[in-house]
Amino acid sequence: MRDAAANNENPTMTVRSLGRQDYEPLWRAMQRFTEERNAGTPDELWFTEHPPVFTLGLNASRDHLLA
């Protein structure tokens, strides 16, 4: 396995400190970033925190939540 940096003479990464954010808008922003990037787009590392969320699997329903 080759080092990813070996393929790029000047590897860069953008680090974003976004603080506390609502989950869904930030999730959509991450999806947009991924869809719009190309081979020349630097990687990004997003530091953030969001309020608690419940995630449900495909076979789950809200009736399964105890909270």
PDB file of N, CA and C in Angstrom:
ATOM      1  N   MET A   1       0.842  -1.176   0.000  1.00  0.00           N
ATOM      2  CA  MET A   1       0.000   0.000   0.000  1.00  0.00           C
ATOM      3  C   MET A   1       0.885   1.237   0.000  1.00  0.00           C
ATOM      4  N   ARG A   2       0.673   2.114  -0.934  1.00  0.00           N
ATOM      5  CA  ARG A   2       1.482   3.332  -1.042  1.00  0.00           C
ATOM      6  C   ARG A   2       0.927   4.413  -0.137  1.00  0.00           C
ATOM      7  N   ASP A   3       1.820   5.235   0.342  1.00  0.00           N
ATOM      8  CA  ASP A   3       1.431   6.388   1.144  1.00  0.00           C
ATOM      9  C   ASP A   3       0.654   7.352   0.255  1.00  0.00           C
ATOM     10  N   ALA A   4      -0.520   7.800   0.699  1.00  0.00           N
ATOM     11  CA  ALA A   4      -1.348   8.710  -0.100  1.00  0.00           C
ATOM     12  C   ALA A   4      -0.603   9.995  -0.414  1.00  0.00           C
ATOM     13  N   ALA A   5       0.247  10.463   0.491  1.00  0.00           N
ATOM     14  CA  ALA A   5       0.985  11.709   0.273  1.00  0.00           C
ATOM     15  C   ALA A   5       1.992  11.565  -0.863  1.00  0.00           C
ATOM     16  N   ALA A   6       2.423  10.347  -1.152  1.00  0.00           N
ATOM     17  CA  ALA A   6       3.410  10.140  -2.212  1.00  0.00           C
ATOM     18  C   ALA A   6       2.847  10.491  -3.583  1.00  0.00           C
ATOM     19  N   ASN A   7       1.541  10.500  -3.722  1.00  0.00           N
ATOM     20  CA  ASN A   7       0.901  10.826  -4.995  1.00  0.00           C
ATOM     21  C   ASN A   7       0.717  12.323  -5.192  1.00  0.00           C
ATOM     22  N   ASN A   8       1.048  13.113  -4.201  1.00  0.00           N
ATOM     23  CA  ASN A   8       0.820  14.553  -4.262  1.00  0.00           C
ATOM     24  C   ASN A   8       2.042  15.247  -3.681  1.00  0.00           C
ATOM     25  N   GLU A   9       2.669  16.125  -4.459  1.00  0.00           N
ATOM     26  CA  GLU A   9       3.883  16.790  -3.985  1.00  0.00           C
ATOM     27  C   GLU A   9       3.620  17.706  -2.801  1.00  0.00           C
ATOM     28  N   ASN A  10       2.463  18.327  -2.755  1.00  0.00           N
ATOM     29  CA  ASN A  10       2.119  19.255  -1.678  1.00  0.00           C
ATOM     30  C   ASN A  10       0.770  18.892  -1.068  1.00  0.00           C
ATOM     31  N   PRO A  11       0.707  17.784  -0.339  1.00  0.00           N
ATOM     32  CA  PRO A  11      -0.585  17.405   0.240  1.00  0.00           C
ATOM     33  C   PRO A  11      -1.038  18.445   1.260  1.00  0.00           C
ATOM     34  N   THR A  12      -2.300  18.768   1.219  1.00  0.00           N
ATOM     35  CA  THR A  12      -2.849  19.715   2.180  1.00  0.00           C
ATOM     36  C   THR A  12      -4.147  19.162   2.735  1.00  0.00           C
ATOM     37  N   MET A  13      -4.510  19.686   3.886  1.00  0.00           N
ATOM     38  CA  MET A  13      -5.779  19.345   4.504  1.00  0.00           C
ATOM     39  C   MET A  13      -6.307  20.607   5.164  1.00  0.00           C
ATOM     40  N   THR A  14      -7.557  20.895   4.929  1.00  0.00           N
ATOM     41  CA  THR A  14      -8.209  22.012   5.588  1.00  0.00           C
ATOM     42  C   THR A  14      -8.841  21.491   6.864  1.00  0.00           C
ATOM     43  N   VAL A  15      -8.562  22.159   7.976  1.00  0.00           N
ATOM     44  CA  VAL A  15      -9.151  21.783   9.257  1.00  0.00           C
ATOM     45  C   VAL A  15     -10.163  22.849   9.632  1.00  0.00           C
ATOM     46  N   ARG A  16     -11.384  22.410   9.881  1.00  0.00           N
ATOM     47  CA  ARG A  16     -12.456  23.338  10.239  1.00  0.00           C
ATOM     48  C   ARG A  16     -12.913  23.059  11.666  1.00  0.00           C
ATOM     49  N   SER A  17     -12.934  24.103  12.480  1.00  0.00           N
ATOM     50  CA  SER A  17     -13.468  24.012  13.832  1.00  0.00           C
ATOM     51  C   SER A  17     -14.821  24.713  13.810  1.00  0.00           C
ATOM     52  N   LEU A  18     -15.895  23.943  13.775  1.00  0.00           N
ATOM     53  CA  LEU A  18     -17.226  24.473  13.514  1.00  0.00           C
ATOM     54  C   LEU A  18     -18.077  24.664  14.766  1.00  0.00           C
ATOM     55  N   GLY A  19     -17.556  24.278  15.915  1.00  0.00           N
ATOM     56  CA  GLY A  19     -18.335  24.456  17.141  1.00  0.00           C
ATOM     57  C   GLY A  19     -19.576  23.575  17.142  1.00  0.00           C
ATOM     58  N   ARG A  20     -20.545  23.966  17.933  1.00  0.00           N
ATOM     59  CA  ARG A  20     -21.787  23.193  18.056  1.00  0.00           C
ATOM     60  C   ARG A  20     -22.730  23.554  16.907  1.00  0.00           C
ATOM     61  N   GLN A  21     -23.193  22.534  16.201  1.00  0.00           N
ATOM     62  CA  GLN A  21     -24.055  22.718  15.031  1.00  0.00           C
ATOM     63  C   GLN A  21     -25.233  21.749  15.110  1.00  0.00           C
ATOM     64  N   ASP A  22     -26.340  22.131  14.498  1.00  0.00           N
ATOM     65  CA  ASP A  22     -27.445  21.188  14.360  1.00  0.00           C
ATOM     66  C   ASP A  22     -27.014  20.065  13.422  1.00  0.00           C
ATOM     67  N   TYR A  23     -27.449  18.855  13.719  1.00  0.00           N
ATOM     68  CA  TYR A  23     -26.979  17.675  13.000  1.00  0.00           C
ATOM     69  C   TYR A  23     -27.312  17.711  11.510  1.00  0.00           C
ATOM     70  N   GLU A  24     -28.587  17.859  11.167  1.00  0.00           N
ATOM     71  CA  GLU A  24     -28.993  17.678   9.767  1.00  0.00           C
ATOM     72  C   GLU A  24     -28.381  18.693   8.807  1.00  0.00           C
ATOM     73  N   PRO A  25     -28.380  20.004   9.116  1.00  0.00           N
ATOM     74  CA  PRO A  25     -27.751  20.940   8.169  1.00  0.00           C
ATOM     75  C   PRO A  25     -26.257  20.655   7.953  1.00  0.00           C
ATOM     76  N   LEU A  26     -25.571  20.265   9.011  1.00  0.00           N
ATOM     77  CA  LEU A  26     -24.146  19.963   8.873  1.00  0.00           C
ATOM     78  C   LEU A  26     -23.929  18.678   8.076  1.00  0.00           C
ATOM     79  N   TRP A  27     -24.760  17.693   8.312  1.00  0.00           N
ATOM     80  CA  TRP A  27     -24.687  16.441   7.554  1.00  0.00           C
ATOM     81  C   TRP A  27     -24.885  16.723   6.070  1.00  0.00           C
ATOM     82  N   ARG A  28     -25.858  17.582   5.745  1.00  0.00           N
ATOM     83  CA  ARG A  28     -26.101  17.939   4.341  1.00  0.00           C
ATOM     84  C   ARG A  28     -24.903  18.705   3.758  1.00  0.00           C
ATOM     85  N   ALA A  29     -24.284  19.568   4.558  1.00  0.00           N
ATOM     86  CA  ALA A  29     -23.097  20.301   4.095  1.00  0.00           C
ATOM     87  C   ALA A  29     -21.953  19.331   3.792  1.00  0.00           C
ATOM     88  N   MET A  30     -21.784  18.305   4.619  1.00  0.00           N
ATOM     89  CA  MET A  30     -20.752  17.295   4.365  1.00  0.00           C
ATOM     90  C   MET A  30     -21.047  16.533   3.075  1.00  0.00           C
ATOM     91  N   GLN A  31     -22.312  16.201   2.857  1.00  0.00           N
ATOM     92  CA  GLN A  31     -22.687  15.516   1.621  1.00  0.00           C
ATOM     93  C   GLN A  31     -22.386  16.390   0.405  1.00  0.00           C
ATOM     94  N   ARG A  32     -22.740  17.681   0.488  1.00  0.00           N
ATOM     95  CA  ARG A  32     -22.478  18.611  -0.617  1.00  0.00           C
ATOM     96  C   ARG A  32     -20.988  18.703  -0.905  1.00  0.00           C
ATOM     97  N   PHE A  33     -20.188  18.839   0.167  1.00  0.00           N
ATOM     98  CA  PHE A  33     -18.736  18.912  -0.005  1.00  0.00           C
ATOM     99  C   PHE A  33     -18.234  17.682  -0.760  1.00  0.00           C
ATOM    100  N   THR A  34     -18.688  16.515  -0.349  1.00  0.00           N
ATOM    101  CA  THR A  34     -18.245  15.269  -0.970  1.00  0.00           C
ATOM    102  C   THR A  34     -18.673  15.193  -2.432  1.00  0.00           C
ATOM    103  N   GLU A  35     -19.908  15.589  -2.726  1.00  0.00           N
ATOM    104  CA  GLU A  35     -20.417  15.531  -4.103  1.00  0.00           C
ATOM    105  C   GLU A  35     -19.708  16.517  -5.027  1.00  0.00           C
ATOM    106  N   GLU A  36     -19.321  17.683  -4.502  1.00  0.00           N
ATOM    107  CA  GLU A  36     -18.767  18.743  -5.335  1.00  0.00           C
ATOM    108  C   GLU A  36     -17.247  18.700  -5.472  1.00  0.00           C
ATOM    109  N   ARG A  37     -16.580  17.922  -4.638  1.00  0.00           N
ATOM    110  CA  ARG A  37     -15.120  17.927  -4.694  1.00  0.00           C
ATOM    111  C   ARG A  37     -14.622  17.187  -5.921  1.00  0.00           C
ATOM    112  N   ASN A  38     -13.389  17.489  -6.295  1.00  0.00           N
ATOM    113  CA  ASN A  38     -12.746  16.801  -7.412  1.00  0.00           C
ATOM    114  C   ASN A  38     -11.352  16.376  -6.967  1.00  0.00           C
ATOM    115  N   ALA A  39     -10.570  15.853  -7.882  1.00  0.00           N
ATOM    116  CA  ALA A  39      -9.240  15.337  -7.538  1.00  0.00           C
ATOM    117  C   ALA A  39      -8.328  16.416  -6.961  1.00  0.00           C
ATOM    118  N   GLY A  40      -8.575  17.680  -7.270  1.00  0.00           N
ATOM    119  CA  GLY A  40      -7.731  18.758  -6.765  1.00  0.00           C
ATOM    120  C   GLY A  40      -8.206  19.367  -5.461  1.00  0.00           C
ATOM    121  N   THR A  41      -9.346  18.920  -4.956  1.00  0.00           N
ATOM    122  CA  THR A  41      -9.887  19.465  -3.711  1.00  0.00           C
ATOM    123  C   THR A  41      -9.135  18.876  -2.525  1.00  0.00           C
ATOM    124  N   PRO A  42      -8.570  19.730  -1.665  1.00  0.00           N
ATOM    125  CA  PRO A  42      -7.882  19.196  -0.486  1.00  0.00           C
ATOM    126  C   PRO A  42      -8.863  18.465   0.435  1.00  0.00           C
ATOM    127  N   ASP A  43      -8.359  17.472   1.139  1.00  0.00           N
ATOM    128  CA  ASP A  43      -9.170  16.809   2.154  1.00  0.00           C
ATOM    129  C   ASP A  43      -9.538  17.815   3.232  1.00  0.00           C
ATOM    130  N   GLU A  44     -10.637  17.546   3.928  1.00  0.00           N
ATOM    131  CA  GLU A  44     -11.045  18.400   5.036  1.00  0.00           C
ATOM    132  C   GLU A  44     -11.335  17.542   6.256  1.00  0.00           C
ATOM    133  N   LEU A  45     -11.000  18.082   7.417  1.00  0.00           N
ATOM    134  CA  LEU A  45     -11.302  17.463   8.695  1.00  0.00           C
ATOM    135  C   LEU A  45     -12.197  18.437   9.440  1.00  0.00           C
ATOM    136  N   TRP A  46     -13.409  18.031   9.736  1.00  0.00           N
ATOM    137  CA  TRP A  46     -14.389  18.907  10.381  1.00  0.00           C
ATOM    138  C   TRP A  46     -14.538  18.499  11.843  1.00  0.00           C
ATOM    139  N   PHE A  47     -14.209  19.421  12.739  1.00  0.00           N
ATOM    140  CA  PHE A  47     -14.439  19.222  14.165  1.00  0.00           C
ATOM    141  C   PHE A  47     -15.738  19.923  14.522  1.00  0.00           C
ATOM    142  N   THR A  48     -16.667  19.192  15.081  1.00  0.00           N
ATOM    143  CA  THR A  48     -17.955  19.772  15.446  1.00  0.00           C
ATOM    144  C   THR A  48     -18.596  18.943  16.550  1.00  0.00           C
ATOM    145  N   GLU A  49     -19.631  19.484  17.102  1.00  0.00           N
ATOM    146  CA  GLU A  49     -20.423  18.803  18.118  1.00  0.00           C
ATOM    147  C   GLU A  49     -21.871  19.087  17.771  1.00  0.00           C
ATOM    148  N   HIS A  50     -22.747  18.126  18.022  1.00  0.00           N
ATOM    149  CA  HIS A  50     -24.166  18.367  17.774  1.00  0.00           C
ATOM    150  C   HIS A  50     -24.981  17.848  18.947  1.00  0.00           C
ATOM    151  N   PRO A  51     -26.191  18.381  19.101  1.00  0.00           N
ATOM    152  CA  PRO A  51     -27.063  17.869  20.156  1.00  0.00           C
ATOM    153  C   PRO A  51     -27.321  16.376  19.933  1.00  0.00           C
ATOM    154  N   PRO A  52     -27.726  15.666  20.978  1.00  0.00           N
ATOM    155  CA  PRO A  52     -27.995  14.234  20.822  1.00  0.00           C
ATOM    156  C   PRO A  52     -29.044  13.973  19.737  1.00  0.00           C
ATOM    157  N   VAL A  53     -28.841  12.884  18.998  1.00  0.00           N
ATOM    158  CA  VAL A  53     -29.799  12.467  17.972  1.00  0.00           C
ATOM    159  C   VAL A  53     -30.068  10.974  18.135  1.00  0.00           C
ATOM    160  N   PHE A  54     -31.205  10.543  17.660  1.00  0.00           N
ATOM    161  CA  PHE A  54     -31.532   9.126  17.598  1.00  0.00           C
ATOM    162  C   PHE A  54     -31.468   8.713  16.135  1.00  0.00           C
ATOM    163  N   THR A  55     -30.783   7.635  15.857  1.00  0.00           N
ATOM    164  CA  THR A  55     -30.763   7.107  14.496  1.00  0.00           C
ATOM    165  C   THR A  55     -31.497   5.774  14.497  1.00  0.00           C
ATOM    166  N   LEU A  56     -32.278   5.556  13.462  1.00  0.00           N
ATOM    167  CA  LEU A  56     -33.070   4.333  13.354  1.00  0.00           C
ATOM    168  C   LEU A  56     -32.619   3.544  12.137  1.00  0.00           C
ATOM    169  N   GLY A  57     -32.509   2.245  12.295  1.00  0.00           N
ATOM    170  CA  GLY A  57     -32.173   1.382  11.171  1.00  0.00           C
ATOM    171  C   GLY A  57     -33.355   1.232  10.226  1.00  0.00           C
ATOM    172  N   LEU A  58     -33.152   0.513   9.155  1.00  0.00           N
ATOM    173  CA  LEU A  58     -34.193   0.354   8.139  1.00  0.00           C
ATOM    174  C   LEU A  58     -35.446  -0.339   8.668  1.00  0.00           C
ATOM    175  N   ASN A  59     -35.294  -1.239   9.622  1.00  0.00           N
ATOM    176  CA  ASN A  59     -36.446  -1.980  10.152  1.00  0.00           C
ATOM    177  C   ASN A  59     -36.985  -1.385  11.443  1.00  0.00           C
ATOM    178  N   ALA A  60     -36.503  -0.235  11.840  1.00  0.00           N
ATOM    179  CA  ALA A  60     -36.929   0.375  13.101  1.00  0.00           C
ATOM    180  C   ALA A  60     -38.122   1.299  12.874  1.00  0.00           C
ATOM    181  N   SER A  61     -38.792   1.603  13.962  1.00  0.00           N
ATOM    182  CA  SER A  61     -39.862   2.604  13.926  1.00  0.00           C
ATOM    183  C   SER A  61     -39.746   3.446  15.189  1.00  0.00           C
ATOM    184  N   ARG A  62     -40.419   4.570  15.189  1.00  0.00           N
ATOM    185  CA  ARG A  62     -40.382   5.444  16.372  1.00  0.00           C
ATOM    186  C   ARG A  62     -40.927   4.726  17.606  1.00  0.00           C
ATOM    187  N   ASP A  63     -41.762   3.720  17.414  1.00  0.00           N
ATOM    188  CA  ASP A  63     -42.299   2.950  18.543  1.00  0.00           C
ATOM    189  C   ASP A  63     -41.196   2.220  19.302  1.00  0.00           C
ATOM    190  N   HIS A  64     -40.058   2.008  18.664  1.00  0.00           N
ATOM    191  CA  HIS A  64     -38.947   1.308  19.309  1.00  0.00           C
ATOM    192  C   HIS A  64     -38.169   2.201  20.267  1.00  0.00           C
ATOM    193  N   LEU A  65     -38.380   3.518  20.199  1.00  0.00           N
ATOM    194  CA  LEU A  65     -37.665   4.442  21.084  1.00  0.00           C
ATOM    195  C   LEU A  65     -38.276   4.408  22.475  1.00  0.00           C
ATOM    196  N   LEU A  66     -37.428   4.304  23.478  1.00  0.00           N
ATOM    197  CA  LEU A  66     -37.896   4.282  24.861  1.00  0.00           C
ATOM    198  C   LEU A  66     -37.831   5.656  25.502  1.00  0.00           C
ATOM    199  N   ALA A  67     -37.106   6.569  24.893  1.00  0.00           N
ATOM    200  CA  ALA A  67     -36.930   7.901  25.477  1.00  0.00           C
ATOM    201  C   ALA A  67     -38.077   8.818  25.113  1.00  0.00           C
TER     202      ALA A  67
END
